[in-house]
Structures are given as C-alpha cells and as structure tokens.
Amino acid sequence: MLVKKLAFLLFAVTLFGFVACSDNSSSAEIELPDSTKTMDDLLNNFGTACTKSKKCERVRIEEWDGDFAECDGAGTWTRVAEDKRSAACSSN
C-alpha cells in the first residue's frame, strides 16, 4: 500500500512540474501592430496590451490622418501627433 501511495505522489509531482513549466501562450507578450484602421480596432484587439513593458510604444491610427495612439504603460492610450510624444513619454 505504501508503494502505491509513493508511486501516486511521484506521478502527481511529476505531472504538476509539466503543467507548471508548460509554454502557455496566454502569458506571452502581445505584439502590437504598426497600424490599425480605427481606435476601436486597437482597443478591441490590443487594449489590454498597454502595459509597463509597452510604455511609449505607438500604433498609427489610419482614421486619424497620421496621428498615433501611444501607450502610457498603465493601460491608457493617448492620441499624439507623429512628431510629438505624450506627457508620460516626453522624458524618454
């Protein structure tokens, strides 16, 4: 009986190790596009991608005639002209 319990415990620990170390695509960084047609497209498809690791990255919004949406690193996209930076990124 002890052998069965030890075998099960070893199996469970091994299985947990495989699950914990799996390559889960949901934790991968989202790649931002160079441009989208509308701000709604950006928010619907990449709205949650504006994180600290994406701070100051920009996406051209085609309906804005050359202006960009710039990530502040805290979940907010700000409209900026091509030659400008938002307040969150002006010091970078």
C-alpha atoms as a PDB file:
ATOM      1  CA  MET A   1       0.000   0.000   0.000  1.00  0.00           C
ATOM      2  CA  LEU A   2       2.847   2.386   0.811  1.00  0.00           C
ATOM      3  CA  VAL A   3       4.390   1.714  -2.599  1.00  0.00           C
ATOM      4  CA  LYS A   4       1.144   2.692  -4.343  1.00  0.00           C
ATOM      5  CA  LYS A   5       0.924   5.933  -2.345  1.00  0.00           C
ATOM      6  CA  LEU A   6       4.543   6.807  -3.123  1.00  0.00           C
ATOM      7  CA  ALA A   7       4.061   5.981  -6.801  1.00  0.00           C
ATOM      8  CA  PHE A   8       0.938   8.187  -6.942  1.00  0.00           C
ATOM      9  CA  LEU A   9       2.740  11.018  -5.136  1.00  0.00           C
ATOM     10  CA  LEU A  10       5.674  10.808  -7.560  1.00  0.00           C
ATOM     11  CA  PHE A  11       3.265  10.822 -10.503  1.00  0.00           C
ATOM     12  CA  ALA A  12       1.382  13.844  -9.120  1.00  0.00           C
ATOM     13  CA  VAL A  13       4.581  15.827  -8.519  1.00  0.00           C
ATOM     14  CA  THR A  14       5.879  14.998 -11.998  1.00  0.00           C
ATOM     15  CA  LEU A  15       2.571  15.973 -13.600  1.00  0.00           C
ATOM     16  CA  PHE A  16       2.495  19.237 -11.652  1.00  0.00           C
ATOM     17  CA  GLY A  17       6.014  20.007 -12.876  1.00  0.00           C
ATOM     18  CA  PHE A  18       4.982  19.580 -16.511  1.00  0.00           C
ATOM     19  CA  VAL A  19       1.887  21.748 -16.077  1.00  0.00           C
ATOM     20  CA  ALA A  20       3.716  24.471 -14.158  1.00  0.00           C
ATOM     21  CA  CYS A  21       6.503  24.659 -16.743  1.00  0.00           C
ATOM     22  CA  SER A  22       4.340  24.490 -19.838  1.00  0.00           C
ATOM     23  CA  ASP A  23       4.659  27.087 -22.596  1.00  0.00           C
ATOM     24  CA  ASN A  24       1.317  28.804 -22.130  1.00  0.00           C
ATOM     25  CA  SER A  25       0.628  31.231 -24.991  1.00  0.00           C
ATOM     26  CA  SER A  26      -1.734  33.306 -22.840  1.00  0.00           C
ATOM     27  CA  SER A  27       1.245  34.584 -20.847  1.00  0.00           C
ATOM     28  CA  ALA A  28       3.193  35.619 -23.951  1.00  0.00           C
ATOM     29  CA  GLU A  29       3.743  39.262 -24.791  1.00  0.00           C
ATOM     30  CA  ILE A  30       1.243  40.668 -27.238  1.00  0.00           C
ATOM     31  CA  GLU A  31       2.865  42.058 -30.368  1.00  0.00           C
ATOM     32  CA  LEU A  32       1.408  45.443 -31.274  1.00  0.00           C
ATOM     33  CA  PRO A  33       0.626  46.196 -34.917  1.00  0.00           C
ATOM     34  CA  ASP A  34       2.257  49.090 -36.782  1.00  0.00           C
ATOM     35  CA  SER A  35      -1.203  50.489 -37.536  1.00  0.00           C
ATOM     36  CA  THR A  36      -4.928  49.870 -37.247  1.00  0.00           C
ATOM     37  CA  LYS A  37      -7.854  51.428 -39.090  1.00  0.00           C
ATOM     38  CA  THR A  38      -9.601  52.850 -36.021  1.00  0.00           C
ATOM     39  CA  MET A  39      -9.028  53.423 -32.321  1.00  0.00           C
ATOM     40  CA  ASP A  40     -11.864  50.978 -31.671  1.00  0.00           C
ATOM     41  CA  ASP A  41      -9.878  48.307 -33.538  1.00  0.00           C
ATOM     42  CA  LEU A  42      -6.879  48.986 -31.304  1.00  0.00           C
ATOM     43  CA  LEU A  43      -8.935  48.910 -28.102  1.00  0.00           C
ATOM     44  CA  ASN A  44     -10.910  45.808 -29.083  1.00  0.00           C
ATOM     45  CA  ASN A  45      -7.895  43.793 -30.231  1.00  0.00           C
ATOM     46  CA  PHE A  46      -4.955  45.203 -28.257  1.00  0.00           C
ATOM     47  CA  GLY A  47      -6.467  47.284 -25.452  1.00  0.00           C
ATOM     48  CA  THR A  48      -5.015  45.114 -22.707  1.00  0.00           C
ATOM     49  CA  ALA A  49      -1.555  45.202 -24.332  1.00  0.00           C
ATOM     50  CA  CYS A  50      -0.826  48.699 -22.984  1.00  0.00           C
ATOM     51  CA  THR A  51       1.301  47.524 -20.074  1.00  0.00           C
ATOM     52  CA  LYS A  52       4.523  48.687 -18.431  1.00  0.00           C
ATOM     53  CA  SER A  53       6.574  46.668 -20.928  1.00  0.00           C
ATOM     54  CA  LYS A  54       4.867  48.500 -23.830  1.00  0.00           C
ATOM     55  CA  LYS A  55       5.224  52.012 -22.389  1.00  0.00           C
ATOM     56  CA  CYS A  56       5.761  54.641 -25.116  1.00  0.00           C
ATOM     57  CA  GLU A  57       5.078  52.214 -27.970  1.00  0.00           C
ATOM     58  CA  ARG A  58       2.949  53.738 -30.699  1.00  0.00           C
ATOM     59  CA  VAL A  59       0.361  52.461 -33.160  1.00  0.00           C
ATOM     60  CA  ARG A  60      -0.679  54.554 -36.167  1.00  0.00           C
ATOM     61  CA  ILE A  61      -4.452  55.021 -36.318  1.00  0.00           C
ATOM     62  CA  GLU A  62      -5.346  55.314 -40.008  1.00  0.00           C
ATOM     63  CA  GLU A  63      -8.568  57.306 -39.442  1.00  0.00           C
ATOM     64  CA  TRP A  64      -6.532  59.942 -37.560  1.00  0.00           C
ATOM     65  CA  ASP A  65      -4.615  61.099 -40.667  1.00  0.00           C
ATOM     66  CA  GLY A  66      -1.133  60.241 -39.445  1.00  0.00           C
ATOM     67  CA  ASP A  67      -1.615  60.553 -35.687  1.00  0.00           C
ATOM     68  CA  PHE A  68      -0.694  57.763 -33.310  1.00  0.00           C
ATOM     69  CA  ALA A  69      -2.034  56.135 -30.168  1.00  0.00           C
ATOM     70  CA  GLU A  70       0.753  55.949 -27.605  1.00  0.00           C
ATOM     71  CA  CYS A  71       0.734  53.623 -24.590  1.00  0.00           C
ATOM     72  CA  ASP A  72       1.364  55.253 -21.204  1.00  0.00           C
ATOM     73  CA  GLY A  73       2.366  51.929 -19.627  1.00  0.00           C
ATOM     74  CA  ALA A  74      -0.648  51.912 -17.297  1.00  0.00           C
ATOM     75  CA  GLY A  75      -3.426  50.833 -19.659  1.00  0.00           C
ATOM     76  CA  THR A  76      -4.231  54.157 -21.332  1.00  0.00           C
ATOM     77  CA  TRP A  77      -3.727  55.026 -24.991  1.00  0.00           C
ATOM     78  CA  THR A  78      -3.160  58.725 -25.777  1.00  0.00           C
ATOM     79  CA  ARG A  79      -3.567  60.410 -29.165  1.00  0.00           C
ATOM     80  CA  VAL A  80      -0.340  62.092 -30.282  1.00  0.00           C
ATOM     81  CA  ALA A  81       0.836  63.714 -33.493  1.00  0.00           C
ATOM     82  CA  GLU A  82       3.555  61.976 -35.484  1.00  0.00           C
ATOM     83  CA  ASP A  83       6.236  64.403 -34.299  1.00  0.00           C
ATOM     84  CA  LYS A  84       5.059  64.620 -30.652  1.00  0.00           C
ATOM     85  CA  ARG A  85       5.168  62.492 -27.505  1.00  0.00           C
ATOM     86  CA  SER A  86       2.606  62.166 -24.719  1.00  0.00           C
ATOM     87  CA  ALA A  87       3.358  63.571 -21.250  1.00  0.00           C
ATOM     88  CA  ALA A  88       4.093  60.044 -19.998  1.00  0.00           C
ATOM     89  CA  CYS A  89       6.737  59.577 -22.689  1.00  0.00           C
ATOM     90  CA  SER A  90       8.123  63.059 -23.260  1.00  0.00           C
ATOM     91  CA  SER A  91      11.039  62.473 -20.875  1.00  0.00           C
ATOM     92  CA  ASN A  92      12.063  59.184 -22.536  1.00  0.00           C
END
